[in-house]
Amino acid sequence: MIDTGETLVRVRPAKIVNARNDTEYDYDEATRYTIPGRRFVEPGASADEFGDRDLTSIELTVRIYGHPDIDRRDAIEIDGVRYRLEGKPLRHRSASRRLDHTVLALARWEGSPS
């Protein structure tokens, strides 16, 4: 995997229980973590990788060496631009474990994620 040099930051929202005892996620109070290691960022996505997902909104596909701690509610910032995950991270395991990687489908951040 070739490292394309972008800085990837995981933005994990704070989990807050509101007055009605419902859980909300606050991105203003999020914790930020720079994802280390090799990664490859490319435009778009392919149906081979993502199956039945609607690919029209996927702006970037990111492959990260290993299995970093990324949750479906996390936002990802790449060189200062925020994206949301389209679906959960896809974790691929290799027989030797040396080629394990995670694939993220990202769409441009618009308002709050659902």
PDB file of N, CA and C in Angstrom:
ATOM      1  N   MET A   1       0.847  -1.171   0.000  1.00  0.00           N
ATOM      2  CA  MET A   1       0.000   0.000   0.000  1.00  0.00           C
ATOM      3  C   MET A   1       0.896   1.239   0.000  1.00  0.00           C
ATOM      4  N   ILE A   2       0.608   2.163  -0.856  1.00  0.00           N
ATOM      5  CA  ILE A   2       1.388   3.394  -0.975  1.00  0.00           C
ATOM      6  C   ILE A   2       0.777   4.455  -0.073  1.00  0.00           C
ATOM      7  N   ASP A   3       1.608   5.128   0.698  1.00  0.00           N
ATOM      8  CA  ASP A   3       1.133   6.217   1.540  1.00  0.00           C
ATOM      9  C   ASP A   3       1.049   7.456   0.674  1.00  0.00           C
ATOM     10  N   THR A   4      -0.163   8.008   0.532  1.00  0.00           N
ATOM     11  CA  THR A   4      -0.343   9.189  -0.311  1.00  0.00           C
ATOM     12  C   THR A   4      -0.093  10.490   0.442  1.00  0.00           C
ATOM     13  N   GLY A   5       0.256  10.413   1.726  1.00  0.00           N
ATOM     14  CA  GLY A   5       0.738  11.580   2.461  1.00  0.00           C
ATOM     15  C   GLY A   5      -0.298  12.444   3.149  1.00  0.00           C
ATOM     16  N   GLU A   6      -1.579  12.179   2.979  1.00  0.00           N
ATOM     17  CA  GLU A   6      -2.594  12.995   3.631  1.00  0.00           C
ATOM     18  C   GLU A   6      -2.588  12.758   5.141  1.00  0.00           C
ATOM     19  N   THR A   7      -2.983  13.774   5.886  1.00  0.00           N
ATOM     20  CA  THR A   7      -3.157  13.630   7.325  1.00  0.00           C
ATOM     21  C   THR A   7      -4.603  13.252   7.589  1.00  0.00           C
ATOM     22  N   LEU A   8      -4.807  12.097   8.235  1.00  0.00           N
ATOM     23  CA  LEU A   8      -6.149  11.631   8.568  1.00  0.00           C
ATOM     24  C   LEU A   8      -6.366  11.797  10.056  1.00  0.00           C
ATOM     25  N   VAL A   9      -7.489  12.421  10.415  1.00  0.00           N
ATOM     26  CA  VAL A   9      -7.832  12.636  11.812  1.00  0.00           C
ATOM     27  C   VAL A   9      -9.213  12.048  12.068  1.00  0.00           C
ATOM     28  N   ARG A  10      -9.289  11.178  13.073  1.00  0.00           N
ATOM     29  CA  ARG A  10     -10.593  10.655  13.499  1.00  0.00           C
ATOM     30  C   ARG A  10     -11.204  11.664  14.453  1.00  0.00           C
ATOM     31  N   VAL A  11     -12.456  12.042  14.218  1.00  0.00           N
ATOM     32  CA  VAL A  11     -13.188  12.969  15.075  1.00  0.00           C
ATOM     33  C   VAL A  11     -14.315  12.172  15.722  1.00  0.00           C
ATOM     34  N   ARG A  12     -14.137  11.839  17.002  1.00  0.00           N
ATOM     35  CA  ARG A  12     -15.130  11.022  17.711  1.00  0.00           C
ATOM     36  C   ARG A  12     -16.008  11.935  18.558  1.00  0.00           C
ATOM     37  N   PRO A  13     -17.337  11.937  18.293  1.00  0.00           N
ATOM     38  CA  PRO A  13     -18.235  12.835  19.028  1.00  0.00           C
ATOM     39  C   PRO A  13     -18.382  12.427  20.488  1.00  0.00           C
ATOM     40  N   ALA A  14     -18.655  13.422  21.315  1.00  0.00           N
ATOM     41  CA  ALA A  14     -18.951  13.153  22.723  1.00  0.00           C
ATOM     42  C   ALA A  14     -20.364  12.577  22.807  1.00  0.00           C
ATOM     43  N   LYS A  15     -20.532  11.570  23.641  1.00  0.00           N
ATOM     44  CA  LYS A  15     -21.835  10.945  23.841  1.00  0.00           C
ATOM     45  C   LYS A  15     -22.516  11.659  25.005  1.00  0.00           C
ATOM     46  N   ILE A  16     -23.691  12.250  24.740  1.00  0.00           N
ATOM     47  CA  ILE A  16     -24.387  13.057  25.740  1.00  0.00           C
ATOM     48  C   ILE A  16     -25.809  12.528  25.906  1.00  0.00           C
ATOM     49  N   VAL A  17     -26.273  12.449  27.141  1.00  0.00           N
ATOM     50  CA  VAL A  17     -27.659  12.075  27.415  1.00  0.00           C
ATOM     51  C   VAL A  17     -28.420  13.368  27.695  1.00  0.00           C
ATOM     52  N   ASN A  18     -29.466  13.630  26.899  1.00  0.00           N
ATOM     53  CA  ASN A  18     -30.214  14.882  27.043  1.00  0.00           C
ATOM     54  C   ASN A  18     -31.260  14.771  28.157  1.00  0.00           C
ATOM     55  N   ALA A  19     -32.058  15.833  28.335  1.00  0.00           N
ATOM     56  CA  ALA A  19     -33.050  15.899  29.410  1.00  0.00           C
ATOM     57  C   ALA A  19     -34.119  14.820  29.286  1.00  0.00           C
ATOM     58  N   ARG A  20     -34.387  14.341  28.072  1.00  0.00           N
ATOM     59  CA  ARG A  20     -35.393  13.286  27.871  1.00  0.00           C
ATOM     60  C   ARG A  20     -34.782  11.891  27.971  1.00  0.00           C
ATOM     61  N   ASN A  21     -33.523  11.836  28.395  1.00  0.00           N
ATOM     62  CA  ASN A  21     -32.786  10.585  28.566  1.00  0.00           C
ATOM     63  C   ASN A  21     -32.479   9.903  27.218  1.00  0.00           C
ATOM     64  N   ASP A  22     -32.407  10.696  26.149  1.00  0.00           N
ATOM     65  CA  ASP A  22     -32.010  10.191  24.830  1.00  0.00           C
ATOM     66  C   ASP A  22     -30.525  10.460  24.621  1.00  0.00           C
ATOM     67  N   THR A  23     -29.857   9.557  23.934  1.00  0.00           N
ATOM     68  CA  THR A  23     -28.438   9.725  23.649  1.00  0.00           C
ATOM     69  C   THR A  23     -28.265  10.581  22.405  1.00  0.00           C
ATOM     70  N   GLU A  24     -27.408  11.583  22.494  1.00  0.00           N
ATOM     71  CA  GLU A  24     -27.057  12.440  21.361  1.00  0.00           C
ATOM     72  C   GLU A  24     -25.543  12.426  21.215  1.00  0.00           C
ATOM     73  N   TYR A  25     -25.071  12.783  20.033  1.00  0.00           N
ATOM     74  CA  TYR A  25     -23.639  12.820  19.758  1.00  0.00           C
ATOM     75  C   TYR A  25     -23.250  14.247  19.394  1.00  0.00           C
ATOM     76  N   ASP A  26     -22.315  14.802  20.162  1.00  0.00           N
ATOM     77  CA  ASP A  26     -21.925  16.200  20.029  1.00  0.00           C
ATOM     78  C   ASP A  26     -20.551  16.299  19.360  1.00  0.00           C
ATOM     79  N   TYR A  27     -20.539  16.769  18.122  1.00  0.00           N
ATOM     80  CA  TYR A  27     -19.286  16.908  17.375  1.00  0.00           C
ATOM     81  C   TYR A  27     -18.520  18.170  17.761  1.00  0.00           C
ATOM     82  N   ASP A  28     -19.192  19.100  18.456  1.00  0.00           N
ATOM     83  CA  ASP A  28     -18.489  20.291  18.950  1.00  0.00           C
ATOM     84  C   ASP A  28     -17.565  19.942  20.115  1.00  0.00           C
ATOM     85  N   GLU A  29     -17.903  18.876  20.846  1.00  0.00           N
ATOM     86  CA  GLU A  29     -17.105  18.432  21.990  1.00  0.00           C
ATOM     87  C   GLU A  29     -16.346  17.149  21.668  1.00  0.00           C
ATOM     88  N   ALA A  30     -16.050  16.922  20.418  1.00  0.00           N
ATOM     89  CA  ALA A  30     -15.428  15.678  19.965  1.00  0.00           C
ATOM     90  C   ALA A  30     -13.962  15.583  20.382  1.00  0.00           C
ATOM     91  N   THR A  31     -13.489  14.338  20.475  1.00  0.00           N
ATOM     92  CA  THR A  31     -12.058  14.100  20.676  1.00  0.00           C
ATOM     93  C   THR A  31     -11.441  13.818  19.315  1.00  0.00           C
ATOM     94  N   ARG A  32     -10.229  14.286  19.122  1.00  0.00           N
ATOM     95  CA  ARG A  32      -9.540  14.161  17.838  1.00  0.00           C
ATOM     96  C   ARG A  32      -8.309  13.274  18.005  1.00  0.00           C
ATOM     97  N   TYR A  33      -8.076  12.444  16.996  1.00  0.00           N
ATOM     98  CA  TYR A  33      -6.948  11.525  17.038  1.00  0.00           C
ATOM     99  C   TYR A  33      -6.376  11.396  15.630  1.00  0.00           C
ATOM    100  N   THR A  34      -5.091  11.687  15.468  1.00  0.00           N
ATOM    101  CA  THR A  34      -4.435  11.534  14.168  1.00  0.00           C
ATOM    102  C   THR A  34      -4.133  10.057  13.958  1.00  0.00           C
ATOM    103  N   ILE A  35      -4.624   9.505  12.860  1.00  0.00           N
ATOM    104  CA  ILE A  35      -4.466   8.089  12.557  1.00  0.00           C
ATOM    105  C   ILE A  35      -3.059   7.864  11.997  1.00  0.00           C
ATOM    106  N   PRO A  36      -2.258   7.066  12.703  1.00  0.00           N
ATOM    107  CA  PRO A  36      -0.885   6.842  12.242  1.00  0.00           C
ATOM    108  C   PRO A  36      -0.823   5.772  11.158  1.00  0.00           C
ATOM    109  N   GLY A  37       0.325   5.630  10.561  1.00  0.00           N
ATOM    110  CA  GLY A  37       0.562   4.524   9.631  1.00  0.00           C
ATOM    111  C   GLY A  37       0.284   4.875   8.183  1.00  0.00           C
ATOM    112  N   ARG A  38       0.428   3.856   7.359  1.00  0.00           N
ATOM    113  CA  ARG A  38       0.258   4.036   5.921  1.00  0.00           C
ATOM    114  C   ARG A  38      -1.215   4.089   5.546  1.00  0.00           C
ATOM    115  N   ARG A  39      -1.505   4.885   4.516  1.00  0.00           N
ATOM    116  CA  ARG A  39      -2.860   4.996   4.020  1.00  0.00           C
ATOM    117  C   ARG A  39      -2.828   5.377   2.552  1.00  0.00           C
ATOM    118  N   PHE A  40      -3.941   5.128   1.870  1.00  0.00           N
ATOM    119  CA  PHE A  40      -4.070   5.468   0.462  1.00  0.00           C
ATOM    120  C   PHE A  40      -5.441   6.080   0.271  1.00  0.00           C
ATOM    121  N   VAL A  41      -5.486   7.304  -0.244  1.00  0.00           N
ATOM    122  CA  VAL A  41      -6.744   8.013  -0.458  1.00  0.00           C
ATOM    123  C   VAL A  41      -6.941   8.161  -1.954  1.00  0.00           C
ATOM    124  N   GLU A  42      -8.149   7.781  -2.423  1.00  0.00           N
ATOM    125  CA  GLU A  42      -8.449   7.919  -3.846  1.00  0.00           C
ATOM    126  C   GLU A  42      -9.892   8.375  -4.028  1.00  0.00           C
ATOM    127  N   PRO A  43     -10.203   8.969  -5.174  1.00  0.00           N
ATOM    128  CA  PRO A  43     -11.567   9.434  -5.413  1.00  0.00           C
ATOM    129  C   PRO A  43     -12.546   8.272  -5.570  1.00  0.00           C
ATOM    130  N   GLY A  44     -13.803   8.522  -5.172  1.00  0.00           N
ATOM    131  CA  GLY A  44     -14.886   7.606  -5.459  1.00  0.00           C
ATOM    132  C   GLY A  44     -14.786   6.235  -4.842  1.00  0.00           C
ATOM    133  N   ALA A  45     -15.541   5.301  -5.427  1.00  0.00           N
ATOM    134  CA  ALA A  45     -15.616   3.932  -4.919  1.00  0.00           C
ATOM    135  C   ALA A  45     -16.043   3.024  -6.049  1.00  0.00           C
ATOM    136  N   SER A  46     -15.963   1.741  -5.791  1.00  0.00           N
ATOM    137  CA  SER A  46     -16.419   0.786  -6.796  1.00  0.00           C
ATOM    138  C   SER A  46     -17.408  -0.182  -6.178  1.00  0.00           C
ATOM    139  N   ALA A  47     -18.311  -0.691  -6.970  1.00  0.00           N
ATOM    140  CA  ALA A  47     -19.299  -1.652  -6.491  1.00  0.00           C
ATOM    141  C   ALA A  47     -18.619  -2.937  -6.024  1.00  0.00           C
ATOM    142  N   ASP A  48     -17.442  -3.252  -6.563  1.00  0.00           N
ATOM    143  CA  ASP A  48     -16.713  -4.448  -6.130  1.00  0.00           C
ATOM    144  C   ASP A  48     -16.365  -4.375  -4.647  1.00  0.00           C
ATOM    145  N   GLU A  49     -16.039  -3.184  -4.167  1.00  0.00           N
ATOM    146  CA  GLU A  49     -15.647  -3.018  -2.770  1.00  0.00           C
ATOM    147  C   GLU A  49     -16.838  -2.872  -1.837  1.00  0.00           C
ATOM    148  N   PHE A  50     -17.872  -2.195  -2.294  1.00  0.00           N
ATOM    149  CA  PHE A  50     -18.935  -1.787  -1.383  1.00  0.00           C
ATOM    150  C   PHE A  50     -20.282  -2.445  -1.647  1.00  0.00           C
ATOM    151  N   GLY A  51     -20.377  -3.366  -2.580  1.00  0.00           N
ATOM    152  CA  GLY A  51     -21.590  -4.160  -2.774  1.00  0.00           C
ATOM    153  C   GLY A  51     -22.826  -3.344  -3.081  1.00  0.00           C
ATOM    154  N   ASP A  52     -23.847  -3.490  -2.234  1.00  0.00           N
ATOM    155  CA  ASP A  52     -25.154  -2.902  -2.500  1.00  0.00           C
ATOM    156  C   ASP A  52     -25.303  -1.448  -2.056  1.00  0.00           C
ATOM    157  N   ARG A  53     -24.274  -0.832  -1.572  1.00  0.00           N
ATOM    158  CA  ARG A  53     -24.404   0.552  -1.095  1.00  0.00           C
ATOM    159  C   ARG A  53     -24.644   1.504  -2.269  1.00  0.00           C
ATOM    160  N   ASP A  54     -25.344   2.596  -1.986  1.00  0.00           N
ATOM    161  CA  ASP A  54     -25.542   3.649  -2.978  1.00  0.00           C
ATOM    162  C   ASP A  54     -24.220   4.396  -3.127  1.00  0.00           C
ATOM    163  N   LEU A  55     -23.572   4.244  -4.252  1.00  0.00           N
ATOM    164  CA  LEU A  55     -22.231   4.806  -4.431  1.00  0.00           C
ATOM    165  C   LEU A  55     -22.227   6.252  -4.919  1.00  0.00           C
ATOM    166  N   THR A  56     -23.398   6.820  -5.186  1.00  0.00           N
ATOM    167  CA  THR A  56     -23.430   8.158  -5.760  1.00  0.00           C
ATOM    168  C   THR A  56     -22.889   9.223  -4.827  1.00  0.00           C
ATOM    169  N   SER A  57     -22.981   9.014  -3.510  1.00  0.00           N
ATOM    170  CA  SER A  57     -22.531  10.047  -2.573  1.00  0.00           C
ATOM    171  C   SER A  57     -21.102   9.832  -2.083  1.00  0.00           C
ATOM    172  N   ILE A  58     -20.485   8.719  -2.437  1.00  0.00           N
ATOM    173  CA  ILE A  58     -19.141   8.444  -1.944  1.00  0.00           C
ATOM    174  C   ILE A  58     -18.119   9.264  -2.725  1.00  0.00           C
ATOM    175  N   GLU A  59     -17.469  10.165  -2.022  1.00  0.00           N
ATOM    176  CA  GLU A  59     -16.519  11.081  -2.640  1.00  0.00           C
ATOM    177  C   GLU A  59     -15.092  10.544  -2.618  1.00  0.00           C
ATOM    178  N   LEU A  60     -14.731   9.852  -1.517  1.00  0.00           N
ATOM    179  CA  LEU A  60     -13.381   9.311  -1.379  1.00  0.00           C
ATOM    180  C   LEU A  60     -13.426   7.885  -0.842  1.00  0.00           C
ATOM    181  N   THR A  61     -12.466   7.094  -1.267  1.00  0.00           N
ATOM    182  CA  THR A  61     -12.233   5.774  -0.688  1.00  0.00           C
ATOM    183  C   THR A  61     -10.861   5.828  -0.025  1.00  0.00           C
ATOM    184  N   VAL A  62     -10.804   5.391   1.231  1.00  0.00           N
ATOM    185  CA  VAL A  62      -9.552   5.428   1.985  1.00  0.00           C
ATOM    186  C   VAL A  62      -9.217   4.002   2.424  1.00  0.00           C
ATOM    187  N   ARG A  63      -7.987   3.604   2.164  1.00  0.00           N
ATOM    188  CA  ARG A  63      -7.477   2.320   2.647  1.00  0.00           C
ATOM    189  C   ARG A  63      -6.394   2.620   3.682  1.00  0.00           C
ATOM    190  N   ILE A  64      -6.545   2.001   4.855  1.00  0.00           N
ATOM    191  CA  ILE A  64      -5.610   2.233   5.949  1.00  0.00           C
ATOM    192  C   ILE A  64      -5.006   0.893   6.338  1.00  0.00           C
ATOM    193  N   TYR A  65      -3.690   0.844   6.433  1.00  0.00           N
ATOM    194  CA  TYR A  65      -2.997  -0.363   6.850  1.00  0.00           C
ATOM    195  C   TYR A  65      -3.395  -0.700   8.279  1.00  0.00           C
ATOM    196  N   GLY A  66      -3.795  -1.935   8.529  1.00  0.00           N
ATOM    197  CA  GLY A  66      -4.201  -2.365   9.863  1.00  0.00           C
ATOM    198  C   GLY A  66      -5.666  -2.072  10.125  1.00  0.00           C
ATOM    199  N   HIS A  67      -6.023  -2.092  11.398  1.00  0.00           N
ATOM    200  CA  HIS A  67      -7.410  -1.903  11.803  1.00  0.00           C
ATOM    201  C   HIS A  67      -7.503  -0.826  12.887  1.00  0.00           C
ATOM    202  N   PRO A  68      -7.422   0.453  12.501  1.00  0.00           N
ATOM    203  CA  PRO A  68      -7.498   1.521  13.501  1.00  0.00           C
ATOM    204  C   PRO A  68      -8.889   1.573  14.138  1.00  0.00           C
ATOM    205  N   ASP A  69      -8.966   2.163  15.313  1.00  0.00           N
ATOM    206  CA  ASP A  69     -10.220   2.312  16.049  1.00  0.00           C
ATOM    207  C   ASP A  69     -11.060   3.399  15.384  1.00  0.00           C
ATOM    208  N   ILE A  70     -11.947   2.976  14.490  1.00  0.00           N
ATOM    209  CA  ILE A  70     -12.852   3.894  13.795  1.00  0.00           C
ATOM    210  C   ILE A  70     -14.250   3.315  13.907  1.00  0.00           C
ATOM    211  N   ASP A  71     -15.190   4.151  14.342  1.00  0.00           N
ATOM    212  CA  ASP A  71     -16.579   3.759  14.546  1.00  0.00           C
ATOM    213  C   ASP A  71     -17.441   4.432  13.483  1.00  0.00           C
ATOM    214  N   ARG A  72     -18.617   3.885  13.212  1.00  0.00           N
ATOM    215  CA  ARG A  72     -19.483   4.436  12.172  1.00  0.00           C
ATOM    216  C   ARG A  72     -19.959   5.856  12.463  1.00  0.00           C
ATOM    217  N   ARG A  73     -19.932   6.281  13.731  1.00  0.00           N
ATOM    218  CA  ARG A  73     -20.349   7.646  14.075  1.00  0.00           C
ATOM    219  C   ARG A  73     -19.200   8.651  13.969  1.00  0.00           C
ATOM    220  N   ASP A  74     -17.981   8.165  13.823  1.00  0.00           N
ATOM    221  CA  ASP A  74     -16.840   9.071  13.725  1.00  0.00           C
ATOM    222  C   ASP A  74     -16.882   9.851  12.418  1.00  0.00           C
ATOM    223  N   ALA A  75     -16.348  11.050  12.468  1.00  0.00           N
ATOM    224  CA  ALA A  75     -16.078  11.808  11.250  1.00  0.00           C
ATOM    225  C   ALA A  75     -14.584  11.642  10.963  1.00  0.00           C
ATOM    226  N   ILE A  76     -14.202  11.828   9.715  1.00  0.00           N
ATOM    227  CA  ILE A  76     -12.801  11.745   9.323  1.00  0.00           C
ATOM    228  C   ILE A  76     -12.425  13.064   8.666  1.00  0.00           C
ATOM    229  N   GLU A  77     -11.339  13.658   9.121  1.00  0.00           N
ATOM    230  CA  GLU A  77     -10.818  14.863   8.476  1.00  0.00           C
ATOM    231  C   GLU A  77      -9.573  14.484   7.697  1.00  0.00           C
ATOM    232  N   ILE A  78      -9.529  14.930   6.458  1.00  0.00           N
ATOM    233  CA  ILE A  78      -8.370  14.697   5.598  1.00  0.00           C
ATOM    234  C   ILE A  78      -7.854  16.059   5.175  1.00  0.00           C
ATOM    235  N   ASP A  79      -6.651  16.368   5.639  1.00  0.00           N
ATOM    236  CA  ASP A  79      -6.042  17.675   5.370  1.00  0.00           C
ATOM    237  C   ASP A  79      -7.005  18.816   5.671  1.00  0.00           C
ATOM    238  N   GLY A  80      -7.724  18.713   6.811  1.00  0.00           N
ATOM    239  CA  GLY A  80      -8.599  19.781   7.280  1.00  0.00           C
ATOM    240  C   GLY A  80     -10.013  19.780   6.745  1.00  0.00           C
ATOM    241  N   VAL A  81     -10.355  18.885   5.824  1.00  0.00           N
ATOM    242  CA  VAL A  81     -11.714  18.806   5.274  1.00  0.00           C
ATOM    243  C   VAL A  81     -12.428  17.641   5.954  1.00  0.00           C
ATOM    244  N   ARG A  82     -13.631  17.890   6.464  1.00  0.00           N
ATOM    245  CA  ARG A  82     -14.354  16.861   7.217  1.00  0.00           C
ATOM    246  C   ARG A  82     -15.270  16.046   6.305  1.00  0.00           C
ATOM    247  N   TYR A  83     -15.253  14.721   6.543  1.00  0.00           N
ATOM    248  CA  TYR A  83     -16.088  13.767   5.811  1.00  0.00           C
ATOM    249  C   TYR A  83     -16.828  12.896   6.804  1.00  0.00           C
ATOM    250  N   ARG A  84     -17.945  12.330   6.360  1.00  0.00           N
ATOM    251  CA  ARG A  84     -18.676  11.363   7.171  1.00  0.00           C
ATOM    252  C   ARG A  84     -18.518   9.985   6.549  1.00  0.00           C
ATOM    253  N   LEU A  85     -18.610   8.962   7.387  1.00  0.00           N
ATOM    254  CA  LEU A  85     -18.527   7.586   6.902  1.00  0.00           C
ATOM    255  C   LEU A  85     -19.853   7.201   6.258  1.00  0.00           C
ATOM    256  N   GLU A  86     -19.771   6.561   5.118  1.00  0.00           N
ATOM    257  CA  GLU A  86     -20.944   5.967   4.467  1.00  0.00           C
ATOM    258  C   GLU A  86     -20.934   4.502   4.848  1.00  0.00           C
ATOM    259  N   GLY A  87     -21.687   4.137   5.865  1.00  0.00           N
ATOM    260  CA  GLY A  87     -21.660   2.759   6.355  1.00  0.00           C
ATOM    261  C   GLY A  87     -20.514   2.548   7.329  1.00  0.00           C
ATOM    262  N   LYS A  88     -20.355   1.309   7.748  1.00  0.00           N
ATOM    263  CA  LYS A  88     -19.312   1.011   8.727  1.00  0.00           C
ATOM    264  C   LYS A  88     -17.978   0.751   8.025  1.00  0.00           C
ATOM    265  N   PRO A  89     -16.870   0.899   8.751  1.00  0.00           N
ATOM    266  CA  PRO A  89     -15.561   0.574   8.173  1.00  0.00           C
ATOM    267  C   PRO A  89     -15.516  -0.903   7.773  1.00  0.00           C
ATOM    268  N   LEU A  90     -14.939  -1.185   6.613  1.00  0.00           N
ATOM    269  CA  LEU A  90     -14.792  -2.569   6.148  1.00  0.00           C
ATOM    270  C   LEU A  90     -13.398  -3.040   6.516  1.00  0.00           C
ATOM    271  N   ARG A  91     -13.312  -4.062   7.345  1.00  0.00           N
ATOM    272  CA  ARG A  91     -12.022  -4.564   7.813  1.00  0.00           C
ATOM    273  C   ARG A  91     -11.688  -5.845   7.066  1.00  0.00           C
ATOM    274  N   HIS A  92     -10.588  -5.824   6.345  1.00  0.00           N
ATOM    275  CA  HIS A  92     -10.142  -6.972   5.562  1.00  0.00           C
ATOM    276  C   HIS A  92      -8.956  -7.620   6.270  1.00  0.00           C
ATOM    277  N   ARG A  93      -9.025  -8.923   6.446  1.00  0.00           N
ATOM    278  CA  ARG A  93      -7.943  -9.659   7.093  1.00  0.00           C
ATOM    279  C   ARG A  93      -7.251 -10.537   6.065  1.00  0.00           C
ATOM    280  N   SER A  94      -5.948 -10.616   6.192  1.00  0.00           N
ATOM    281  CA  SER A  94      -5.172 -11.491   5.313  1.00  0.00           C
ATOM    282  C   SER A  94      -4.726 -12.716   6.120  1.00  0.00           C
ATOM    283  N   ALA A  95      -4.421 -13.784   5.424  1.00  0.00           N
ATOM    284  CA  ALA A  95      -4.007 -15.015   6.098  1.00  0.00           C
ATOM    285  C   ALA A  95      -2.764 -14.797   6.958  1.00  0.00           C
ATOM    286  N   SER A  96      -1.837 -13.983   6.470  1.00  0.00           N
ATOM    287  CA  SER A  96      -0.593 -13.747   7.210  1.00  0.00           C
ATOM    288  C   SER A  96      -0.730 -12.630   8.239  1.00  0.00           C
ATOM    289  N   ARG A  97      -1.826 -11.865   8.183  1.00  0.00           N
ATOM    290  CA  ARG A  97      -2.074 -10.686   9.024  1.00  0.00           C
ATOM    291  C   ARG A  97      -1.186  -9.507   8.654  1.00  0.00           C
ATOM    292  N   ARG A  98      -0.246  -9.701   7.745  1.00  0.00           N
ATOM    293  CA  ARG A  98       0.671  -8.622   7.350  1.00  0.00           C
ATOM    294  C   ARG A  98       0.004  -7.659   6.382  1.00  0.00           C
ATOM    295  N   LEU A  99      -1.062  -8.096   5.717  1.00  0.00           N
ATOM    296  CA  LEU A  99      -1.733  -7.251   4.729  1.00  0.00           C
ATOM    297  C   LEU A  99      -3.118  -6.804   5.194  1.00  0.00           C
ATOM    298  N   ASP A 100      -3.398  -6.936   6.499  1.00  0.00           N
ATOM    299  CA  ASP A 100      -4.679  -6.471   7.028  1.00  0.00           C
ATOM    300  C   ASP A 100      -4.857  -4.996   6.701  1.00  0.00           C
ATOM    301  N   HIS A 101      -6.074  -4.619   6.323  1.00  0.00           N
ATOM    302  CA  HIS A 101      -6.341  -3.206   6.066  1.00  0.00           C
ATOM    303  C   HIS A 101      -7.822  -2.903   6.277  1.00  0.00           C
ATOM    304  N   THR A 102      -8.119  -1.627   6.407  1.00  0.00           N
ATOM    305  CA  THR A 102      -9.477  -1.137   6.612  1.00  0.00           C
ATOM    306  C   THR A 102      -9.808  -0.205   5.457  1.00  0.00           C
ATOM    307  N   VAL A 103     -11.040  -0.332   4.934  1.00  0.00           N
ATOM    308  CA  VAL A 103     -11.495   0.521   3.837  1.00  0.00           C
ATOM    309  C   VAL A 103     -12.641   1.390   4.344  1.00  0.00           C
ATOM    310  N   LEU A 104     -12.543   2.691   4.081  1.00  0.00           N
ATOM    311  CA  LEU A 104     -13.577   3.651   4.466  1.00  0.00           C
ATOM    312  C   LEU A 104     -14.183   4.273   3.221  1.00  0.00           C
ATOM    313  N   ALA A 105     -15.495   4.354   3.178  1.00  0.00           N
ATOM    314  CA  ALA A 105     -16.199   5.096   2.134  1.00  0.00           C
ATOM    315  C   ALA A 105     -16.613   6.424   2.758  1.00  0.00           C
ATOM    316  N   LEU A 106     -16.167   7.526   2.188  1.00  0.00           N
ATOM    317  CA  LEU A 106     -16.403   8.839   2.781  1.00  0.00           C
ATOM    318  C   LEU A 106     -17.223   9.735   1.866  1.00  0.00           C
ATOM    319  N   ALA A 107     -18.134  10.488   2.477  1.00  0.00           N
ATOM    320  CA  ALA A 107     -18.929  11.491   1.774  1.00  0.00           C
ATOM    321  C   ALA A 107     -18.663  12.833   2.441  1.00  0.00           C
ATOM    322  N   ARG A 108     -18.837  13.905   1.702  1.00  0.00           N
ATOM    323  CA  ARG A 108     -18.589  15.253   2.234  1.00  0.00           C
ATOM    324  C   ARG A 108     -19.523  15.513   3.419  1.00  0.00           C
ATOM    325  N   TRP A 109     -18.978  16.105   4.469  1.00  0.00           N
ATOM    326  CA  TRP A 109     -19.740  16.447   5.672  1.00  0.00           C
ATOM    327  C   TRP A 109     -20.692  17.586   5.341  1.00  0.00           C
ATOM    328  N   GLU A 110     -21.972  17.378   5.633  1.00  0.00           N
ATOM    329  CA  GLU A 110     -22.972  18.434   5.449  1.00  0.00           C
ATOM    330  C   GLU A 110     -23.871  18.437   6.678  1.00  0.00           C
ATOM    331  N   GLY A 111     -23.722  19.417   7.544  1.00  0.00           N
ATOM    332  CA  GLY A 111     -24.531  19.474   8.765  1.00  0.00           C
ATOM    333  C   GLY A 111     -24.172  18.347   9.707  1.00  0.00           C
ATOM    334  N   SER A 112     -25.141  17.865  10.453  1.00  0.00           N
ATOM    335  CA  SER A 112     -24.918  16.784  11.417  1.00  0.00           C
ATOM    336  C   SER A 112     -25.232  15.441  10.805  1.00  0.00           C
ATOM    337  N   PRO A 113     -24.436  14.410  11.123  1.00  0.00           N
ATOM    338  CA  PRO A 113     -24.751  13.071  10.610  1.00  0.00           C
ATOM    339  C   PRO A 113     -25.983  12.527  11.311  1.00  0.00           C
ATOM    340  N   SER A 114     -26.654  11.588  10.650  1.00  0.00           N
ATOM    341  CA  SER A 114     -27.862  11.007  11.244  1.00  0.00           C
ATOM    342  C   SER A 114     -27.517   9.898  12.200  1.00  0.00           C
TER     343      SER A 114
END
